[in-house]
Amino acid sequence: MIKINLLPAELKPKKKTTLPVKAMSLIGGGIVVILILIHVLVGMKINQEKERLSLLKKEYEAIRPEYERVLKLKADKERLESKVALMEKLLIQRLLWAKKLNQFSDLMPPSVWLSSVSVVTRTETPTLVIRGKTYSDKGEKMVEQVGDFMRRIKGHGAFFEDFVNVELVSTERETIGKTELMRFELTCQFK
């Protein structure tokens, strides 16, 4: 006989589907075996990584002296490069001084001569100190000659480009025989 249940779906009795106990134990056993295999595989991988780590540590210890030697060589290289750069800078400055002194001699008026040119570096800003003498038959003209020399220095762009200013520090008159001279000192501060 055919049974027809006309109850609405929410009131109908639900069918229980149960797996047999044997199937459940096989599935549970399979899960346990899989978990044991994963545990064994992870343990083996950990052991492999530990062995690899110990090999890498041995290799590191073997090359460590070479690494320290390389670091020392790099430090020596940097030190030597800085010395080479300093030497190149000094060579460039040396060449510039030759050019500066040549320009300087072109700037000097005929009745002015120098007794010394020096660079003073003991102050905050390095300074070029120029000491010289001038003469004239008329004493008043000596001051004008020093002023003319200072104007020539300031007016010469190529020479004056490395300096901030030119200052007259001192003047002193002296007489040698019948000739009157004036000693002077100028300073040029470097930029």
N, C-alpha and C. Protein backbone atom coordinates (compact mmCIF):
# COMPACT_ATOMS: atom_id res chain seq x y z
N MET A 1 0.81 -1.15 0.00
CA MET A 1 0.00 0.00 0.00
C MET A 1 0.88 1.25 0.00
N ILE A 2 0.40 2.22 -0.63
CA ILE A 2 1.16 3.46 -0.79
C ILE A 2 0.66 4.42 0.28
N LYS A 3 1.63 4.97 0.98
CA LYS A 3 1.29 5.95 2.01
C LYS A 3 1.64 7.34 1.50
N ILE A 4 0.69 8.21 1.68
CA ILE A 4 0.90 9.59 1.27
C ILE A 4 0.75 10.43 2.53
N ASN A 5 1.75 11.22 2.78
CA ASN A 5 1.75 12.11 3.95
C ASN A 5 1.41 13.51 3.46
N LEU A 6 0.28 14.01 3.88
CA LEU A 6 -0.17 15.31 3.41
C LEU A 6 0.17 16.43 4.40
N LEU A 7 0.97 16.16 5.37
CA LEU A 7 1.36 17.19 6.33
C LEU A 7 2.31 18.18 5.66
N PRO A 8 2.27 19.45 6.17
CA PRO A 8 3.25 20.39 5.61
C PRO A 8 4.67 19.93 5.91
N ALA A 9 5.61 20.42 5.15
CA ALA A 9 7.00 19.96 5.23
C ALA A 9 7.61 20.17 6.60
N GLU A 10 7.26 21.27 7.28
CA GLU A 10 7.85 21.52 8.59
C GLU A 10 7.31 20.58 9.66
N LEU A 11 6.17 19.98 9.44
CA LEU A 11 5.59 19.06 10.41
C LEU A 11 5.88 17.59 10.10
N LYS A 12 6.38 17.34 8.95
CA LYS A 12 6.68 15.96 8.55
C LYS A 12 7.83 15.44 9.39
N PRO A 13 7.84 14.23 9.79
CA PRO A 13 8.97 13.66 10.54
C PRO A 13 10.20 13.56 9.63
N LYS A 14 11.34 13.90 10.18
CA LYS A 14 12.58 13.91 9.40
C LYS A 14 13.22 12.54 9.47
N LYS A 15 13.78 12.15 8.35
CA LYS A 15 14.44 10.86 8.28
C LYS A 15 15.84 11.01 8.83
N LYS A 16 16.23 10.09 9.64
CA LYS A 16 17.58 10.10 10.21
C LYS A 16 18.45 9.24 9.32
N THR A 17 19.60 9.88 8.92
CA THR A 17 20.56 9.12 8.13
C THR A 17 21.74 8.85 9.02
N THR A 18 22.06 7.71 9.26
CA THR A 18 23.18 7.34 10.11
C THR A 18 24.09 6.44 9.32
N LEU A 19 25.36 6.72 9.52
CA LEU A 19 26.34 5.85 8.89
C LEU A 19 26.51 4.64 9.80
N PRO A 20 26.82 3.60 9.23
CA PRO A 20 27.03 2.43 10.07
C PRO A 20 28.27 2.61 10.93
N VAL A 21 28.35 1.97 12.04
CA VAL A 21 29.45 2.08 12.99
C VAL A 21 30.77 1.69 12.34
N LYS A 22 30.73 0.75 11.49
CA LYS A 22 31.95 0.29 10.81
C LYS A 22 32.52 1.42 9.93
N ALA A 23 31.63 2.09 9.22
CA ALA A 23 32.08 3.18 8.35
C ALA A 23 32.63 4.33 9.18
N MET A 24 31.97 4.61 10.30
CA MET A 24 32.44 5.70 11.19
C MET A 24 33.82 5.37 11.76
N SER A 25 34.03 4.14 12.15
CA SER A 25 35.34 3.78 12.71
C SER A 25 36.41 3.83 11.64
N LEU A 26 36.07 3.48 10.40
CA LEU A 26 37.05 3.57 9.31
C LEU A 26 37.41 5.04 9.03
N ILE A 27 36.44 5.91 9.03
CA ILE A 27 36.70 7.34 8.78
C ILE A 27 37.53 7.92 9.93
N GLY A 28 37.16 7.62 11.17
CA GLY A 28 37.92 8.11 12.33
C GLY A 28 39.33 7.57 12.32
N GLY A 29 39.48 6.29 12.00
CA GLY A 29 40.82 5.69 11.93
C GLY A 29 41.65 6.33 10.83
N GLY A 30 41.00 6.61 9.69
CA GLY A 30 41.71 7.26 8.58
C GLY A 30 42.20 8.66 8.97
N ILE A 31 41.34 9.37 9.71
CA ILE A 31 41.75 10.72 10.15
C ILE A 31 42.92 10.62 11.10
N VAL A 32 42.89 9.65 12.01
CA VAL A 32 43.99 9.48 12.97
C VAL A 32 45.27 9.12 12.23
N VAL A 33 45.18 8.22 11.25
CA VAL A 33 46.36 7.83 10.47
C VAL A 33 46.92 9.04 9.72
N ILE A 34 46.04 9.83 9.14
CA ILE A 34 46.49 11.03 8.41
C ILE A 34 47.18 12.00 9.36
N LEU A 35 46.62 12.21 10.55
CA LEU A 35 47.23 13.11 11.52
C LEU A 35 48.60 12.58 11.96
N ILE A 36 48.71 11.26 12.16
CA ILE A 36 50.00 10.66 12.54
C ILE A 36 51.01 10.85 11.42
N LEU A 37 50.59 10.65 10.16
CA LEU A 37 51.49 10.84 9.02
C LEU A 37 51.96 12.30 8.93
N ILE A 38 51.04 13.21 9.12
CA ILE A 38 51.40 14.64 9.08
C ILE A 38 52.40 14.95 10.20
N HIS A 39 52.15 14.39 11.39
CA HIS A 39 53.06 14.62 12.51
C HIS A 39 54.45 14.06 12.21
N VAL A 40 54.50 12.86 11.63
CA VAL A 40 55.79 12.23 11.28
C VAL A 40 56.50 13.04 10.21
N LEU A 41 55.74 13.47 9.18
CA LEU A 41 56.36 14.24 8.09
C LEU A 41 56.88 15.59 8.60
N VAL A 42 56.11 16.25 9.45
CA VAL A 42 56.56 17.53 10.01
C VAL A 42 57.79 17.31 10.88
N GLY A 43 57.80 16.26 11.67
CA GLY A 43 58.98 15.94 12.49
C GLY A 43 60.21 15.69 11.63
N MET A 44 60.02 14.95 10.52
CA MET A 44 61.16 14.70 9.61
C MET A 44 61.65 16.00 8.99
N LYS A 45 60.72 16.87 8.61
CA LYS A 45 61.11 18.16 8.01
C LYS A 45 61.87 19.02 9.02
N ILE A 46 61.42 18.98 10.28
CA ILE A 46 62.10 19.74 11.34
C ILE A 46 63.52 19.21 11.51
N ASN A 47 63.66 17.87 11.52
CA ASN A 47 65.01 17.29 11.65
C ASN A 47 65.90 17.66 10.47
N GLN A 48 65.34 17.66 9.26
CA GLN A 48 66.12 18.06 8.08
C GLN A 48 66.57 19.51 8.20
N GLU A 49 65.67 20.37 8.64
CA GLU A 49 66.02 21.79 8.78
C GLU A 49 67.06 22.00 9.88
N LYS A 50 66.97 21.20 10.96
CA LYS A 50 67.98 21.30 12.01
C LYS A 50 69.35 20.89 11.47
N GLU A 51 69.39 19.81 10.70
CA GLU A 51 70.66 19.36 10.10
C GLU A 51 71.19 20.43 9.14
N ARG A 52 70.29 21.00 8.34
CA ARG A 52 70.70 22.06 7.40
C ARG A 52 71.23 23.27 8.15
N LEU A 53 70.56 23.62 9.26
CA LEU A 53 71.01 24.75 10.08
C LEU A 53 72.39 24.48 10.66
N SER A 54 72.62 23.27 11.15
CA SER A 54 73.95 22.97 11.70
C SER A 54 75.02 23.00 10.61
N LEU A 55 74.68 22.53 9.39
CA LEU A 55 75.64 22.62 8.28
C LEU A 55 75.93 24.08 7.92
N LEU A 56 74.89 24.91 7.90
CA LEU A 56 75.09 26.33 7.60
C LEU A 56 75.93 27.02 8.67
N LYS A 57 75.71 26.63 9.94
CA LYS A 57 76.53 27.20 11.01
C LYS A 57 78.00 26.81 10.83
N LYS A 58 78.23 25.55 10.45
CA LYS A 58 79.61 25.10 10.22
C LYS A 58 80.24 25.86 9.06
N GLU A 59 79.47 26.04 7.98
CA GLU A 59 79.97 26.81 6.83
C GLU A 59 80.26 28.25 7.23
N TYR A 60 79.36 28.84 8.02
CA TYR A 60 79.56 30.21 8.48
C TYR A 60 80.84 30.33 9.30
N GLU A 61 81.03 29.40 10.22
CA GLU A 61 82.26 29.42 11.03
C GLU A 61 83.49 29.22 10.17
N ALA A 62 83.35 28.44 9.09
CA ALA A 62 84.50 28.21 8.21
C ALA A 62 84.86 29.47 7.41
N ILE A 63 83.84 30.23 7.00
CA ILE A 63 84.12 31.42 6.18
C ILE A 63 84.18 32.70 7.00
N ARG A 64 83.94 32.60 8.27
CA ARG A 64 83.94 33.80 9.12
C ARG A 64 85.27 34.56 9.07
N PRO A 65 86.43 33.88 9.15
CA PRO A 65 87.68 34.64 9.04
C PRO A 65 87.81 35.39 7.71
N GLU A 66 87.34 34.76 6.64
CA GLU A 66 87.37 35.43 5.33
C GLU A 66 86.45 36.64 5.33
N TYR A 67 85.28 36.48 5.95
CA TYR A 67 84.32 37.59 6.02
C TYR A 67 84.93 38.76 6.79
N GLU A 68 85.57 38.47 7.91
CA GLU A 68 86.20 39.53 8.69
C GLU A 68 87.34 40.17 7.90
N ARG A 69 88.06 39.37 7.14
CA ARG A 69 89.14 39.90 6.30
C ARG A 69 88.57 40.83 5.23
N VAL A 70 87.43 40.42 4.65
CA VAL A 70 86.78 41.26 3.63
C VAL A 70 86.32 42.58 4.24
N LEU A 71 85.75 42.51 5.46
CA LEU A 71 85.33 43.75 6.13
C LEU A 71 86.52 44.66 6.37
N LYS A 72 87.64 44.08 6.79
CA LYS A 72 88.84 44.88 7.03
C LYS A 72 89.35 45.49 5.72
N LEU A 73 89.31 44.70 4.64
CA LEU A 73 89.74 45.22 3.34
C LEU A 73 88.82 46.35 2.87
N LYS A 74 87.51 46.23 3.12
CA LYS A 74 86.59 47.30 2.74
C LYS A 74 86.90 48.57 3.52
N ALA A 75 87.18 48.42 4.82
CA ALA A 75 87.51 49.59 5.64
C ALA A 75 88.81 50.22 5.14
N ASP A 76 89.80 49.38 4.80
CA ASP A 76 91.07 49.90 4.27
C ASP A 76 90.84 50.61 2.94
N LYS A 77 89.97 50.02 2.10
CA LYS A 77 89.67 50.62 0.80
C LYS A 77 89.04 52.01 0.99
N GLU A 78 88.06 52.11 1.91
CA GLU A 78 87.41 53.40 2.16
C GLU A 78 88.42 54.42 2.69
N ARG A 79 89.31 53.97 3.58
CA ARG A 79 90.32 54.87 4.13
C ARG A 79 91.26 55.35 3.01
N LEU A 80 91.68 54.42 2.14
CA LEU A 80 92.57 54.81 1.04
C LEU A 80 91.86 55.71 0.04
N GLU A 81 90.58 55.43 -0.22
CA GLU A 81 89.82 56.29 -1.14
C GLU A 81 89.70 57.70 -0.59
N SER A 82 89.50 57.82 0.72
CA SER A 82 89.43 59.16 1.30
C SER A 82 90.77 59.87 1.20
N LYS A 83 91.87 59.11 1.37
CA LYS A 83 93.19 59.72 1.22
C LYS A 83 93.43 60.15 -0.22
N VAL A 84 93.01 59.30 -1.17
CA VAL A 84 93.18 59.65 -2.59
C VAL A 84 92.36 60.90 -2.91
N ALA A 85 91.13 60.95 -2.40
CA ALA A 85 90.29 62.13 -2.65
C ALA A 85 90.94 63.38 -2.07
N LEU A 86 91.52 63.25 -0.87
CA LEU A 86 92.20 64.39 -0.25
C LEU A 86 93.41 64.80 -1.08
N MET A 87 94.16 63.82 -1.57
CA MET A 87 95.33 64.15 -2.40
C MET A 87 94.91 64.82 -3.70
N GLU A 88 93.82 64.31 -4.31
CA GLU A 88 93.34 64.94 -5.54
C GLU A 88 92.90 66.38 -5.27
N LYS A 89 92.23 66.57 -4.14
CA LYS A 89 91.80 67.92 -3.77
C LYS A 89 93.00 68.83 -3.58
N LEU A 90 94.04 68.31 -2.91
CA LEU A 90 95.25 69.11 -2.70
C LEU A 90 95.94 69.41 -4.02
N LEU A 91 95.96 68.43 -4.93
CA LEU A 91 96.57 68.67 -6.23
C LEU A 91 95.81 69.74 -7.00
N ILE A 92 94.48 69.66 -6.93
CA ILE A 92 93.68 70.68 -7.61
C ILE A 92 93.94 72.05 -7.00
N GLN A 93 93.96 72.09 -5.67
CA GLN A 93 94.22 73.37 -5.01
C GLN A 93 95.62 73.86 -5.33
N ARG A 94 96.57 72.95 -5.42
CA ARG A 94 97.94 73.33 -5.74
C ARG A 94 97.99 73.96 -7.13
N LEU A 95 97.30 73.36 -8.07
CA LEU A 95 97.25 73.92 -9.42
C LEU A 95 96.54 75.27 -9.40
N LEU A 96 95.49 75.38 -8.59
CA LEU A 96 94.80 76.65 -8.50
C LEU A 96 95.69 77.72 -7.89
N TRP A 97 96.53 77.34 -6.93
CA TRP A 97 97.43 78.32 -6.32
C TRP A 97 98.43 78.83 -7.34
N ALA A 98 98.92 77.94 -8.17
CA ALA A 98 99.86 78.40 -9.20
C ALA A 98 99.17 79.43 -10.11
N LYS A 99 97.95 79.13 -10.47
CA LYS A 99 97.19 80.06 -11.32
C LYS A 99 96.90 81.36 -10.55
N LYS A 100 96.51 81.22 -9.28
CA LYS A 100 96.20 82.40 -8.46
C LYS A 100 97.43 83.30 -8.32
N LEU A 101 98.57 82.69 -8.05
CA LEU A 101 99.79 83.50 -7.88
C LEU A 101 100.20 84.17 -9.19
N ASN A 102 99.97 83.52 -10.30
CA ASN A 102 100.26 84.14 -11.59
C ASN A 102 99.33 85.33 -11.81
N GLN A 103 98.05 85.15 -11.51
CA GLN A 103 97.11 86.26 -11.61
C GLN A 103 97.49 87.37 -10.64
N PHE A 104 97.93 86.98 -9.47
CA PHE A 104 98.31 87.93 -8.42
C PHE A 104 99.46 88.81 -8.89
N SER A 105 100.44 88.20 -9.56
CA SER A 105 101.59 89.00 -10.03
C SER A 105 101.15 89.99 -11.12
N ASP A 106 100.14 89.60 -11.90
CA ASP A 106 99.63 90.52 -12.93
C ASP A 106 98.89 91.71 -12.33
N LEU A 107 98.35 91.53 -11.11
CA LEU A 107 97.57 92.59 -10.47
C LEU A 107 98.43 93.65 -9.80
N MET A 108 99.68 93.37 -9.56
CA MET A 108 100.51 94.28 -8.76
C MET A 108 100.92 95.52 -9.54
N PRO A 109 100.74 96.69 -8.94
CA PRO A 109 101.23 97.92 -9.57
C PRO A 109 102.76 97.91 -9.61
N PRO A 110 103.37 98.71 -10.49
CA PRO A 110 104.82 98.67 -10.66
C PRO A 110 105.61 99.05 -9.40
N SER A 111 105.11 99.92 -8.56
CA SER A 111 105.90 100.37 -7.42
C SER A 111 105.56 99.59 -6.14
N VAL A 112 104.89 98.46 -6.27
CA VAL A 112 104.54 97.63 -5.12
C VAL A 112 105.26 96.30 -5.27
N TRP A 113 105.85 95.82 -4.19
CA TRP A 113 106.41 94.47 -4.18
C TRP A 113 106.03 93.78 -2.88
N LEU A 114 106.06 92.47 -2.93
CA LEU A 114 105.60 91.68 -1.78
C LEU A 114 106.78 91.13 -1.01
N SER A 115 106.62 91.09 0.30
CA SER A 115 107.64 90.46 1.14
C SER A 115 107.19 89.07 1.57
N SER A 116 105.87 88.84 1.67
CA SER A 116 105.39 87.49 1.99
C SER A 116 103.92 87.34 1.64
N VAL A 117 103.57 86.12 1.28
CA VAL A 117 102.18 85.73 1.05
C VAL A 117 102.00 84.41 1.79
N SER A 118 101.04 84.37 2.70
CA SER A 118 100.85 83.14 3.49
C SER A 118 99.36 82.92 3.75
N VAL A 119 99.04 81.68 4.09
CA VAL A 119 97.67 81.32 4.43
C VAL A 119 97.65 81.00 5.91
N VAL A 120 96.77 81.69 6.64
CA VAL A 120 96.62 81.45 8.07
C VAL A 120 95.37 80.61 8.26
N THR A 121 95.52 79.43 8.86
CA THR A 121 94.37 78.53 9.05
C THR A 121 94.00 78.38 10.52
N ARG A 122 94.63 79.12 11.40
CA ARG A 122 94.34 78.99 12.84
C ARG A 122 93.03 79.65 13.22
N THR A 123 92.50 80.51 12.39
CA THR A 123 91.26 81.20 12.71
C THR A 123 90.07 80.39 12.20
N GLU A 124 88.85 80.88 12.47
CA GLU A 124 87.64 80.18 12.03
C GLU A 124 87.59 80.05 10.52
N THR A 125 87.90 81.16 9.84
CA THR A 125 87.93 81.12 8.38
C THR A 125 89.37 81.32 7.93
N PRO A 126 89.87 80.45 7.07
CA PRO A 126 91.25 80.63 6.58
C PRO A 126 91.40 81.98 5.88
N THR A 127 92.57 82.54 6.03
CA THR A 127 92.82 83.89 5.51
C THR A 127 94.13 83.92 4.75
N LEU A 128 94.13 84.61 3.63
CA LEU A 128 95.35 84.86 2.87
C LEU A 128 95.92 86.18 3.38
N VAL A 129 97.16 86.14 3.88
CA VAL A 129 97.82 87.34 4.42
C VAL A 129 98.89 87.77 3.42
N ILE A 130 98.79 89.04 2.99
CA ILE A 130 99.72 89.59 2.00
C ILE A 130 100.49 90.73 2.67
N ARG A 131 101.80 90.61 2.72
CA ARG A 131 102.64 91.67 3.27
C ARG A 131 103.55 92.18 2.14
N GLY A 132 103.66 93.47 2.08
CA GLY A 132 104.48 94.04 1.02
C GLY A 132 104.92 95.44 1.36
N LYS A 133 105.58 96.04 0.37
CA LYS A 133 106.09 97.42 0.53
C LYS A 133 105.82 98.17 -0.75
N THR A 134 105.77 99.48 -0.59
CA THR A 134 105.62 100.37 -1.74
C THR A 134 106.47 101.60 -1.50
N TYR A 135 106.84 102.27 -2.57
CA TYR A 135 107.62 103.49 -2.43
C TYR A 135 107.07 104.53 -3.40
N SER A 136 107.43 105.77 -3.10
CA SER A 136 107.03 106.87 -3.96
C SER A 136 107.89 108.07 -3.61
N ASP A 137 108.10 108.91 -4.59
CA ASP A 137 108.82 110.15 -4.32
C ASP A 137 107.97 111.06 -3.45
N LYS A 138 106.69 110.94 -3.57
CA LYS A 138 105.78 111.74 -2.76
C LYS A 138 105.06 110.77 -1.82
N GLY A 139 105.13 110.99 -0.53
CA GLY A 139 104.60 110.07 0.47
C GLY A 139 103.11 109.80 0.35
N GLU A 140 102.34 110.79 -0.14
CA GLU A 140 100.90 110.62 -0.19
C GLU A 140 100.51 109.56 -1.22
N LYS A 141 101.31 109.40 -2.24
CA LYS A 141 100.99 108.47 -3.31
C LYS A 141 101.08 107.01 -2.86
N MET A 142 101.82 106.72 -1.81
CA MET A 142 101.99 105.33 -1.36
C MET A 142 100.66 104.75 -0.90
N VAL A 143 99.86 105.52 -0.19
CA VAL A 143 98.56 105.04 0.26
C VAL A 143 97.66 104.78 -0.94
N GLU A 144 97.75 105.66 -1.94
CA GLU A 144 96.95 105.48 -3.15
C GLU A 144 97.37 104.22 -3.89
N GLN A 145 98.66 103.91 -3.89
CA GLN A 145 99.14 102.69 -4.58
C GLN A 145 98.61 101.43 -3.89
N VAL A 146 98.60 101.45 -2.55
CA VAL A 146 98.05 100.29 -1.82
C VAL A 146 96.55 100.18 -2.10
N GLY A 147 95.84 101.31 -2.11
CA GLY A 147 94.41 101.31 -2.43
C GLY A 147 94.16 100.81 -3.84
N ASP A 148 95.02 101.22 -4.78
CA ASP A 148 94.91 100.76 -6.16
C ASP A 148 95.11 99.25 -6.23
N PHE A 149 96.09 98.74 -5.49
CA PHE A 149 96.36 97.30 -5.44
C PHE A 149 95.13 96.55 -4.90
N MET A 150 94.49 97.08 -3.84
CA MET A 150 93.30 96.45 -3.28
C MET A 150 92.15 96.45 -4.28
N ARG A 151 91.97 97.57 -5.01
CA ARG A 151 90.91 97.66 -6.02
C ARG A 151 91.16 96.66 -7.15
N ARG A 152 92.40 96.50 -7.54
CA ARG A 152 92.73 95.54 -8.60
C ARG A 152 92.39 94.11 -8.16
N ILE A 153 92.69 93.80 -6.88
CA ILE A 153 92.39 92.46 -6.37
C ILE A 153 90.87 92.23 -6.38
N LYS A 154 90.12 93.20 -5.87
CA LYS A 154 88.66 93.06 -5.82
C LYS A 154 88.06 93.03 -7.22
N GLY A 155 88.64 93.75 -8.13
CA GLY A 155 88.09 93.86 -9.48
C GLY A 155 88.39 92.68 -10.38
N HIS A 156 89.35 91.86 -10.02
CA HIS A 156 89.72 90.72 -10.86
C HIS A 156 88.85 89.52 -10.47
N GLY A 157 87.85 89.23 -11.30
CA GLY A 157 86.87 88.18 -10.98
C GLY A 157 87.48 86.81 -10.77
N ALA A 158 88.39 86.39 -11.63
CA ALA A 158 88.97 85.06 -11.52
C ALA A 158 89.80 84.91 -10.25
N PHE A 159 90.51 85.94 -9.87
CA PHE A 159 91.31 85.85 -8.65
C PHE A 159 90.44 85.98 -7.41
N PHE A 160 89.51 86.89 -7.42
CA PHE A 160 88.74 87.22 -6.21
C PHE A 160 87.58 86.25 -5.94
N GLU A 161 87.29 85.32 -6.88
CA GLU A 161 86.13 84.45 -6.72
C GLU A 161 86.21 83.53 -5.49
N ASP A 162 87.38 83.27 -4.96
CA ASP A 162 87.52 82.39 -3.80
C ASP A 162 87.55 83.16 -2.48
N PHE A 163 87.44 84.48 -2.54
CA PHE A 163 87.57 85.29 -1.33
C PHE A 163 86.30 86.07 -1.04
N VAL A 164 86.15 86.45 0.23
CA VAL A 164 84.99 87.23 0.64
C VAL A 164 85.28 88.72 0.53
N ASN A 165 86.45 89.13 1.04
CA ASN A 165 86.79 90.56 1.02
C ASN A 165 88.30 90.74 1.09
N VAL A 166 88.72 91.97 0.87
CA VAL A 166 90.13 92.36 1.02
C VAL A 166 90.16 93.50 2.03
N GLU A 167 90.97 93.34 3.08
CA GLU A 167 91.03 94.38 4.10
C GLU A 167 92.47 94.83 4.29
N LEU A 168 92.63 96.12 4.52
CA LEU A 168 93.93 96.67 4.87
C LEU A 168 94.05 96.56 6.39
N VAL A 169 95.04 95.79 6.85
CA VAL A 169 95.20 95.56 8.28
C VAL A 169 96.09 96.63 8.89
N SER A 170 97.22 96.91 8.24
CA SER A 170 98.13 97.90 8.82
C SER A 170 99.00 98.52 7.73
N THR A 171 99.46 99.73 8.05
CA THR A 171 100.46 100.40 7.22
C THR A 171 101.47 101.03 8.18
N GLU A 172 102.71 101.08 7.72
CA GLU A 172 103.77 101.66 8.56
C GLU A 172 104.82 102.28 7.63
N ARG A 173 105.13 103.53 7.88
CA ARG A 173 106.13 104.21 7.06
C ARG A 173 107.51 103.99 7.64
N GLU A 174 108.48 103.91 6.76
CA GLU A 174 109.89 103.81 7.18
C GLU A 174 110.75 104.49 6.12
N THR A 175 111.89 104.89 6.53
CA THR A 175 112.80 105.58 5.63
C THR A 175 114.10 104.79 5.54
N ILE A 176 114.53 104.54 4.31
CA ILE A 176 115.82 103.89 4.08
C ILE A 176 116.63 104.88 3.24
N GLY A 177 117.66 105.44 3.89
CA GLY A 177 118.43 106.50 3.22
C GLY A 177 117.52 107.69 2.98
N LYS A 178 117.40 108.10 1.71
CA LYS A 178 116.52 109.23 1.38
C LYS A 178 115.18 108.74 0.85
N THR A 179 115.02 107.41 0.71
CA THR A 179 113.78 106.87 0.13
C THR A 179 112.79 106.53 1.24
N GLU A 180 111.58 107.00 1.03
CA GLU A 180 110.54 106.71 2.01
C GLU A 180 109.72 105.52 1.50
N LEU A 181 109.53 104.52 2.37
CA LEU A 181 108.78 103.31 2.04
C LEU A 181 107.57 103.19 2.96
N MET A 182 106.63 102.39 2.53
CA MET A 182 105.51 102.08 3.41
C MET A 182 105.27 100.58 3.37
N ARG A 183 105.32 99.98 4.57
CA ARG A 183 104.99 98.56 4.71
C ARG A 183 103.48 98.46 4.87
N PHE A 184 102.89 97.43 4.28
CA PHE A 184 101.45 97.24 4.43
C PHE A 184 101.15 95.74 4.61
N GLU A 185 99.99 95.51 5.17
CA GLU A 185 99.51 94.12 5.33
C GLU A 185 98.04 94.09 4.92
N LEU A 186 97.72 93.19 4.01
CA LEU A 186 96.35 92.98 3.55
C LEU A 186 95.91 91.59 3.94
N THR A 187 94.62 91.41 4.16
CA THR A 187 94.08 90.07 4.39
C THR A 187 92.92 89.84 3.44
N CYS A 188 92.82 88.61 2.95
CA CYS A 188 91.70 88.18 2.09
C CYS A 188 91.12 86.94 2.74
N GLN A 189 89.87 87.02 3.21
CA GLN A 189 89.23 85.86 3.83
C GLN A 189 88.67 84.94 2.76
N PHE A 190 88.93 83.65 2.91
CA PHE A 190 88.40 82.67 1.97
C PHE A 190 86.91 82.49 2.20
N LYS A 191 86.22 82.10 1.15
CA LYS A 191 84.77 81.82 1.26
C LYS A 191 84.55 80.56 2.06
